[in-house]
Amino acid sequence: MSDTILYRSGYKYQLAEDFTINIDIFPGKTVDMEFIGLSLDGVLTVRSGYAWDGPSGPVVDTSRNMRASLVHDALYQILRCQHLPANQKEVADKLFEKICIDDGVDEFTAHMYYLGLMLGGKPATDPRNKKPTLKAPWR
């Protein structure tokens, strides 16, 4: 029995059931993390319980960009954990744009989102920027 908890902060949403999508990212070996899987043939599975923060920056969270933000956050986490090479960031960013358009975001706005990710997203893929584990109560 423990009198402390370990947790991570910074999340707004939690996936209620598994989500699977075919993407054009093919890892050198199967990625199997606690909440994320990526098969050799590009099947991304985000498992129930996965937590993410929705679209970043000035982007307003809507039903038209939520699926894109889920996929994008999962891919950035795979990049941070170095299960994909850093050059796959641009592919992940383009996929965000495509999913937004597929889900009803107009092409101009989706492209602006993409440019924002290209300009400001790199730190979120850096392994040094993993969310820290926090402890409560802090003693």
N, C-alpha and C. Protein backbone atom coordinates (compact mmCIF):
# COMPACT_ATOMS: atom_id res chain seq x y z
N MET A 1 0.84 -1.18 0.00
CA MET A 1 0.00 0.00 0.00
C MET A 1 0.89 1.24 0.00
N SER A 2 0.45 2.28 -0.71
CA SER A 2 1.27 3.48 -0.82
C SER A 2 0.46 4.71 -0.44
N ASP A 3 1.13 5.69 0.13
CA ASP A 3 0.43 6.92 0.49
C ASP A 3 0.67 8.03 -0.53
N THR A 4 1.22 7.66 -1.70
CA THR A 4 1.42 8.63 -2.77
C THR A 4 0.87 8.09 -4.08
N ILE A 5 0.64 9.00 -5.02
CA ILE A 5 0.26 8.62 -6.38
C ILE A 5 1.27 9.20 -7.35
N LEU A 6 1.44 8.55 -8.47
CA LEU A 6 2.26 9.06 -9.57
C LEU A 6 1.32 9.32 -10.73
N TYR A 7 1.46 10.49 -11.38
CA TYR A 7 0.54 10.86 -12.45
C TYR A 7 1.22 11.80 -13.43
N ARG A 8 0.55 12.05 -14.54
CA ARG A 8 1.01 13.02 -15.53
C ARG A 8 -0.12 14.02 -15.75
N SER A 9 0.22 15.26 -16.01
CA SER A 9 -0.80 16.28 -16.24
C SER A 9 -0.73 16.76 -17.69
N GLY A 10 -1.68 17.63 -18.05
CA GLY A 10 -1.65 18.23 -19.37
C GLY A 10 -2.59 17.59 -20.37
N TYR A 11 -3.47 16.72 -19.93
CA TYR A 11 -4.39 16.06 -20.83
C TYR A 11 -5.81 16.59 -20.64
N LYS A 12 -6.60 16.60 -21.71
CA LYS A 12 -7.99 17.06 -21.64
C LYS A 12 -8.98 15.97 -22.00
N TYR A 13 -8.56 15.01 -22.81
CA TYR A 13 -9.48 14.00 -23.32
C TYR A 13 -8.93 12.61 -23.06
N GLN A 14 -9.86 11.65 -22.97
CA GLN A 14 -9.47 10.25 -22.82
C GLN A 14 -10.32 9.41 -23.75
N LEU A 15 -9.68 8.59 -24.55
CA LEU A 15 -10.37 7.78 -25.55
C LEU A 15 -11.23 6.72 -24.86
N ALA A 16 -12.50 6.63 -25.26
CA ALA A 16 -13.44 5.72 -24.62
C ALA A 16 -13.43 4.32 -25.20
N GLU A 17 -12.94 4.17 -26.43
CA GLU A 17 -12.81 2.84 -27.04
C GLU A 17 -11.67 2.88 -28.04
N ASP A 18 -11.16 1.70 -28.38
CA ASP A 18 -10.04 1.62 -29.33
C ASP A 18 -10.39 2.30 -30.65
N PHE A 19 -9.39 2.92 -31.27
CA PHE A 19 -9.54 3.57 -32.57
C PHE A 19 -8.43 3.05 -33.48
N THR A 20 -8.79 2.66 -34.69
CA THR A 20 -7.82 2.13 -35.66
C THR A 20 -7.96 2.87 -36.97
N ILE A 21 -6.81 3.18 -37.60
CA ILE A 21 -6.80 3.88 -38.88
C ILE A 21 -5.59 3.41 -39.68
N ASN A 22 -5.76 3.29 -40.99
CA ASN A 22 -4.65 2.98 -41.90
C ASN A 22 -3.95 4.29 -42.26
N ILE A 23 -2.64 4.32 -42.10
CA ILE A 23 -1.87 5.53 -42.41
C ILE A 23 -0.69 5.15 -43.29
N ASP A 24 -0.07 6.16 -43.88
CA ASP A 24 1.08 5.94 -44.75
C ASP A 24 2.40 6.12 -44.00
N ILE A 25 2.47 5.57 -42.82
CA ILE A 25 3.71 5.55 -42.04
C ILE A 25 3.97 4.08 -41.70
N PHE A 26 5.15 3.60 -42.09
CA PHE A 26 5.47 2.19 -41.95
C PHE A 26 6.76 2.06 -41.13
N PRO A 27 6.63 1.65 -39.89
CA PRO A 27 7.83 1.57 -39.03
C PRO A 27 8.73 0.42 -39.45
N GLY A 28 10.00 0.49 -39.07
CA GLY A 28 10.94 -0.58 -39.35
C GLY A 28 10.63 -1.84 -38.57
N LYS A 29 9.99 -1.67 -37.41
CA LYS A 29 9.52 -2.80 -36.61
C LYS A 29 8.21 -2.38 -35.95
N THR A 30 7.41 -3.35 -35.59
CA THR A 30 6.11 -3.09 -34.98
C THR A 30 6.29 -2.25 -33.71
N VAL A 31 5.45 -1.23 -33.57
CA VAL A 31 5.45 -0.39 -32.36
C VAL A 31 4.31 -0.90 -31.49
N ASP A 32 4.63 -1.25 -30.25
CA ASP A 32 3.61 -1.73 -29.32
C ASP A 32 3.85 -1.08 -27.96
N MET A 33 3.24 0.08 -27.79
CA MET A 33 3.33 0.82 -26.54
C MET A 33 2.06 0.55 -25.73
N GLU A 34 2.00 1.04 -24.51
CA GLU A 34 0.86 0.75 -23.64
C GLU A 34 -0.48 1.12 -24.29
N PHE A 35 -0.56 2.30 -24.89
CA PHE A 35 -1.83 2.78 -25.45
C PHE A 35 -1.80 2.97 -26.96
N ILE A 36 -0.66 2.70 -27.60
CA ILE A 36 -0.51 2.95 -29.03
C ILE A 36 0.18 1.77 -29.69
N GLY A 37 -0.34 1.37 -30.85
CA GLY A 37 0.32 0.37 -31.66
C GLY A 37 0.41 0.84 -33.10
N LEU A 38 1.48 0.50 -33.78
CA LEU A 38 1.64 0.80 -35.20
C LEU A 38 2.26 -0.41 -35.86
N SER A 39 1.50 -1.03 -36.77
CA SER A 39 1.96 -2.26 -37.42
C SER A 39 2.88 -1.94 -38.60
N LEU A 40 3.57 -2.95 -39.05
CA LEU A 40 4.48 -2.80 -40.18
C LEU A 40 3.77 -2.33 -41.44
N ASP A 41 2.47 -2.66 -41.56
CA ASP A 41 1.72 -2.25 -42.76
C ASP A 41 0.93 -0.96 -42.55
N GLY A 42 1.27 -0.17 -41.52
CA GLY A 42 0.70 1.15 -41.35
C GLY A 42 -0.66 1.21 -40.67
N VAL A 43 -0.99 0.22 -39.87
CA VAL A 43 -2.24 0.28 -39.11
C VAL A 43 -1.92 0.86 -37.73
N LEU A 44 -2.46 2.06 -37.49
CA LEU A 44 -2.28 2.73 -36.21
C LEU A 44 -3.47 2.38 -35.33
N THR A 45 -3.20 1.88 -34.14
CA THR A 45 -4.25 1.59 -33.16
C THR A 45 -3.98 2.43 -31.93
N VAL A 46 -4.97 3.22 -31.54
CA VAL A 46 -4.90 3.98 -30.30
C VAL A 46 -5.92 3.32 -29.37
N ARG A 47 -5.43 2.87 -28.23
CA ARG A 47 -6.26 2.04 -27.35
C ARG A 47 -7.09 2.87 -26.36
N SER A 48 -8.20 2.28 -25.99
CA SER A 48 -9.09 2.87 -24.99
C SER A 48 -8.28 3.27 -23.76
N GLY A 49 -8.56 4.45 -23.25
CA GLY A 49 -7.83 4.97 -22.09
C GLY A 49 -6.74 5.95 -22.46
N TYR A 50 -6.36 6.01 -23.76
CA TYR A 50 -5.32 6.96 -24.19
C TYR A 50 -5.78 8.38 -23.88
N ALA A 51 -4.90 9.18 -23.32
CA ALA A 51 -5.21 10.56 -22.99
C ALA A 51 -4.41 11.50 -23.89
N TRP A 52 -5.07 12.57 -24.35
CA TRP A 52 -4.39 13.55 -25.20
C TRP A 52 -5.00 14.91 -24.95
N ASP A 53 -4.38 15.95 -25.51
CA ASP A 53 -4.79 17.32 -25.18
C ASP A 53 -5.57 18.02 -26.29
N GLY A 54 -5.97 17.29 -27.33
CA GLY A 54 -6.70 17.93 -28.42
C GLY A 54 -5.76 18.78 -29.26
N PRO A 55 -6.31 19.57 -30.18
CA PRO A 55 -5.47 20.43 -31.01
C PRO A 55 -4.70 21.44 -30.15
N SER A 56 -3.50 21.77 -30.59
CA SER A 56 -2.64 22.66 -29.81
C SER A 56 -2.71 24.10 -30.32
N GLY A 57 -2.11 24.98 -29.54
CA GLY A 57 -1.98 26.38 -29.92
C GLY A 57 -3.31 27.10 -29.93
N PRO A 58 -3.49 28.00 -30.88
CA PRO A 58 -4.71 28.80 -30.92
C PRO A 58 -5.90 28.06 -31.53
N VAL A 59 -5.72 26.80 -31.92
CA VAL A 59 -6.78 26.04 -32.59
C VAL A 59 -7.87 25.69 -31.57
N VAL A 60 -9.11 25.98 -31.93
CA VAL A 60 -10.25 25.66 -31.08
C VAL A 60 -10.61 24.19 -31.29
N ASP A 61 -10.82 23.46 -30.20
CA ASP A 61 -11.20 22.06 -30.28
C ASP A 61 -12.63 21.93 -30.82
N THR A 62 -12.80 21.18 -31.90
CA THR A 62 -14.12 20.92 -32.46
C THR A 62 -14.20 19.46 -32.88
N SER A 63 -15.39 19.00 -33.20
CA SER A 63 -15.54 17.63 -33.67
C SER A 63 -14.86 17.44 -35.04
N ARG A 64 -14.60 18.52 -35.75
CA ARG A 64 -13.96 18.43 -37.07
C ARG A 64 -12.44 18.27 -36.99
N ASN A 65 -11.84 18.54 -35.84
CA ASN A 65 -10.38 18.38 -35.74
C ASN A 65 -9.96 17.42 -34.62
N MET A 66 -10.93 16.83 -33.94
CA MET A 66 -10.60 15.97 -32.79
C MET A 66 -9.94 14.66 -33.22
N ARG A 67 -10.44 14.02 -34.27
CA ARG A 67 -9.85 12.77 -34.74
C ARG A 67 -8.41 13.02 -35.21
N ALA A 68 -8.21 14.11 -35.94
CA ALA A 68 -6.86 14.46 -36.41
C ALA A 68 -5.92 14.69 -35.23
N SER A 69 -6.42 15.35 -34.19
CA SER A 69 -5.55 15.62 -33.04
C SER A 69 -5.19 14.34 -32.31
N LEU A 70 -6.12 13.39 -32.23
CA LEU A 70 -5.83 12.10 -31.59
C LEU A 70 -4.72 11.37 -32.34
N VAL A 71 -4.88 11.23 -33.65
CA VAL A 71 -3.89 10.52 -34.46
C VAL A 71 -2.55 11.24 -34.39
N HIS A 72 -2.58 12.56 -34.50
CA HIS A 72 -1.35 13.35 -34.50
C HIS A 72 -0.62 13.25 -33.16
N ASP A 73 -1.36 13.34 -32.06
CA ASP A 73 -0.72 13.24 -30.75
C ASP A 73 -0.11 11.85 -30.55
N ALA A 74 -0.81 10.81 -30.99
CA ALA A 74 -0.25 9.45 -30.88
C ALA A 74 1.03 9.33 -31.70
N LEU A 75 1.04 9.87 -32.91
CA LEU A 75 2.24 9.80 -33.75
C LEU A 75 3.39 10.60 -33.16
N TYR A 76 3.09 11.77 -32.62
CA TYR A 76 4.15 12.55 -31.98
C TYR A 76 4.72 11.80 -30.77
N GLN A 77 3.86 11.08 -30.04
CA GLN A 77 4.36 10.30 -28.91
C GLN A 77 5.27 9.18 -29.40
N ILE A 78 4.91 8.53 -30.49
CA ILE A 78 5.77 7.50 -31.08
C ILE A 78 7.11 8.12 -31.49
N LEU A 79 7.07 9.32 -32.07
CA LEU A 79 8.30 10.02 -32.45
C LEU A 79 9.14 10.37 -31.22
N ARG A 80 8.50 10.90 -30.16
CA ARG A 80 9.22 11.25 -28.92
C ARG A 80 9.91 10.02 -28.32
N CYS A 81 9.26 8.88 -28.43
CA CYS A 81 9.81 7.64 -27.88
C CYS A 81 10.80 6.99 -28.83
N GLN A 82 11.06 7.64 -29.95
CA GLN A 82 12.06 7.23 -30.94
C GLN A 82 11.76 5.87 -31.58
N HIS A 83 10.47 5.56 -31.75
CA HIS A 83 10.07 4.35 -32.46
C HIS A 83 9.93 4.62 -33.97
N LEU A 84 9.99 5.89 -34.35
CA LEU A 84 10.00 6.30 -35.75
C LEU A 84 11.12 7.32 -35.92
N PRO A 85 11.72 7.40 -37.11
CA PRO A 85 12.75 8.41 -37.34
C PRO A 85 12.14 9.81 -37.38
N ALA A 86 12.92 10.80 -37.00
CA ALA A 86 12.47 12.18 -36.91
C ALA A 86 11.89 12.70 -38.23
N ASN A 87 12.33 12.16 -39.36
CA ASN A 87 11.84 12.65 -40.65
C ASN A 87 10.37 12.28 -40.89
N GLN A 88 9.78 11.49 -40.04
CA GLN A 88 8.37 11.15 -40.17
C GLN A 88 7.45 12.22 -39.58
N LYS A 89 8.03 13.24 -38.93
CA LYS A 89 7.23 14.34 -38.38
C LYS A 89 6.41 15.02 -39.46
N GLU A 90 7.03 15.31 -40.61
CA GLU A 90 6.31 15.99 -41.68
C GLU A 90 5.15 15.14 -42.20
N VAL A 91 5.35 13.83 -42.27
CA VAL A 91 4.27 12.93 -42.70
C VAL A 91 3.12 12.99 -41.69
N ALA A 92 3.45 13.00 -40.40
CA ALA A 92 2.42 13.10 -39.36
C ALA A 92 1.67 14.43 -39.47
N ASP A 93 2.40 15.51 -39.73
CA ASP A 93 1.77 16.83 -39.87
C ASP A 93 0.84 16.88 -41.08
N LYS A 94 1.26 16.30 -42.20
CA LYS A 94 0.41 16.25 -43.40
C LYS A 94 -0.83 15.40 -43.16
N LEU A 95 -0.66 14.33 -42.40
CA LEU A 95 -1.80 13.48 -42.08
C LEU A 95 -2.82 14.24 -41.23
N PHE A 96 -2.34 15.08 -40.31
CA PHE A 96 -3.25 15.93 -39.53
C PHE A 96 -4.10 16.79 -40.47
N GLU A 97 -3.44 17.41 -41.44
CA GLU A 97 -4.15 18.25 -42.41
C GLU A 97 -5.18 17.44 -43.19
N LYS A 98 -4.80 16.26 -43.67
CA LYS A 98 -5.70 15.42 -44.46
C LYS A 98 -6.92 14.98 -43.66
N ILE A 99 -6.69 14.53 -42.43
CA ILE A 99 -7.82 14.07 -41.60
C ILE A 99 -8.75 15.24 -41.29
N CYS A 100 -8.19 16.42 -41.03
CA CYS A 100 -9.04 17.60 -40.80
C CYS A 100 -9.95 17.85 -42.00
N ILE A 101 -9.39 17.82 -43.21
CA ILE A 101 -10.18 18.04 -44.42
C ILE A 101 -11.24 16.94 -44.56
N ASP A 102 -10.83 15.69 -44.34
CA ASP A 102 -11.78 14.57 -44.42
C ASP A 102 -12.95 14.76 -43.45
N ASP A 103 -12.67 15.39 -42.31
CA ASP A 103 -13.68 15.54 -41.27
C ASP A 103 -14.42 16.88 -41.31
N GLY A 104 -14.21 17.67 -42.39
CA GLY A 104 -15.02 18.86 -42.60
C GLY A 104 -14.36 20.20 -42.37
N VAL A 105 -13.07 20.23 -42.06
CA VAL A 105 -12.36 21.51 -41.95
C VAL A 105 -12.07 21.98 -43.38
N ASP A 106 -12.29 23.25 -43.68
CA ASP A 106 -12.02 23.73 -45.03
C ASP A 106 -10.51 23.66 -45.31
N GLU A 107 -10.17 23.53 -46.58
CA GLU A 107 -8.78 23.28 -46.97
C GLU A 107 -7.83 24.40 -46.54
N PHE A 108 -8.27 25.67 -46.63
CA PHE A 108 -7.40 26.77 -46.23
C PHE A 108 -7.07 26.67 -44.74
N THR A 109 -8.09 26.47 -43.92
CA THR A 109 -7.87 26.38 -42.47
C THR A 109 -7.00 25.17 -42.13
N ALA A 110 -7.28 24.04 -42.75
CA ALA A 110 -6.48 22.84 -42.50
C ALA A 110 -5.02 23.07 -42.89
N HIS A 111 -4.79 23.80 -43.97
CA HIS A 111 -3.42 24.09 -44.38
C HIS A 111 -2.74 25.04 -43.39
N MET A 112 -3.48 25.98 -42.85
CA MET A 112 -2.92 26.87 -41.82
C MET A 112 -2.53 26.06 -40.58
N TYR A 113 -3.37 25.09 -40.19
CA TYR A 113 -3.02 24.20 -39.08
C TYR A 113 -1.71 23.48 -39.40
N TYR A 114 -1.60 22.96 -40.63
CA TYR A 114 -0.40 22.24 -41.05
C TYR A 114 0.84 23.14 -40.95
N LEU A 115 0.73 24.36 -41.45
CA LEU A 115 1.88 25.28 -41.37
C LEU A 115 2.27 25.55 -39.93
N GLY A 116 1.28 25.69 -39.06
CA GLY A 116 1.57 25.88 -37.63
C GLY A 116 2.34 24.70 -37.05
N LEU A 117 1.94 23.49 -37.44
CA LEU A 117 2.64 22.30 -36.97
C LEU A 117 4.06 22.25 -37.53
N MET A 118 4.22 22.61 -38.78
CA MET A 118 5.55 22.59 -39.39
C MET A 118 6.49 23.59 -38.70
N LEU A 119 5.94 24.74 -38.36
CA LEU A 119 6.76 25.78 -37.74
C LEU A 119 7.00 25.55 -36.25
N GLY A 120 5.98 25.06 -35.53
CA GLY A 120 6.09 25.01 -34.08
C GLY A 120 6.03 23.63 -33.45
N GLY A 121 5.86 22.58 -34.23
CA GLY A 121 5.65 21.27 -33.65
C GLY A 121 6.88 20.48 -33.28
N LYS A 122 8.04 20.87 -33.78
CA LYS A 122 9.25 20.05 -33.58
C LYS A 122 9.56 19.77 -32.10
N PRO A 123 9.46 20.72 -31.19
CA PRO A 123 9.77 20.40 -29.79
C PRO A 123 8.91 19.26 -29.22
N ALA A 124 7.68 19.13 -29.70
CA ALA A 124 6.79 18.09 -29.17
C ALA A 124 7.22 16.69 -29.61
N THR A 125 8.13 16.58 -30.58
CA THR A 125 8.63 15.28 -31.01
C THR A 125 9.97 14.94 -30.37
N ASP A 126 10.54 15.88 -29.63
CA ASP A 126 11.85 15.70 -29.03
C ASP A 126 11.75 14.77 -27.81
N PRO A 127 12.58 13.73 -27.75
CA PRO A 127 12.54 12.80 -26.62
C PRO A 127 12.72 13.48 -25.26
N ARG A 128 13.37 14.62 -25.23
CA ARG A 128 13.57 15.33 -23.95
C ARG A 128 12.29 15.98 -23.45
N ASN A 129 11.25 16.00 -24.26
CA ASN A 129 10.01 16.67 -23.88
C ASN A 129 8.88 15.70 -23.52
N LYS A 130 9.24 14.52 -23.03
CA LYS A 130 8.22 13.60 -22.52
C LYS A 130 7.57 14.23 -21.30
N LYS A 131 6.28 13.98 -21.10
CA LYS A 131 5.61 14.52 -19.93
C LYS A 131 6.21 13.88 -18.68
N PRO A 132 6.58 14.70 -17.71
CA PRO A 132 7.21 14.15 -16.50
C PRO A 132 6.16 13.44 -15.62
N THR A 133 6.65 12.48 -14.86
CA THR A 133 5.81 11.82 -13.86
C THR A 133 5.86 12.67 -12.61
N LEU A 134 4.68 13.03 -12.11
CA LEU A 134 4.56 13.85 -10.90
C LEU A 134 4.16 12.97 -9.72
N LYS A 135 4.36 13.48 -8.51
CA LYS A 135 4.06 12.72 -7.31
C LYS A 135 3.19 13.55 -6.39
N ALA A 136 2.20 12.91 -5.78
CA ALA A 136 1.36 13.61 -4.79
C ALA A 136 1.06 12.65 -3.64
N PRO A 137 1.06 13.07 -2.41
CA PRO A 137 1.50 14.42 -2.05
C PRO A 137 3.02 14.54 -2.23
N TRP A 138 3.43 15.75 -2.56
CA TRP A 138 4.85 16.01 -2.77
C TRP A 138 5.50 16.19 -1.40
N ARG A 139 6.51 15.38 -1.13
CA ARG A 139 7.22 15.47 0.18
C ARG A 139 8.71 15.45 -0.05
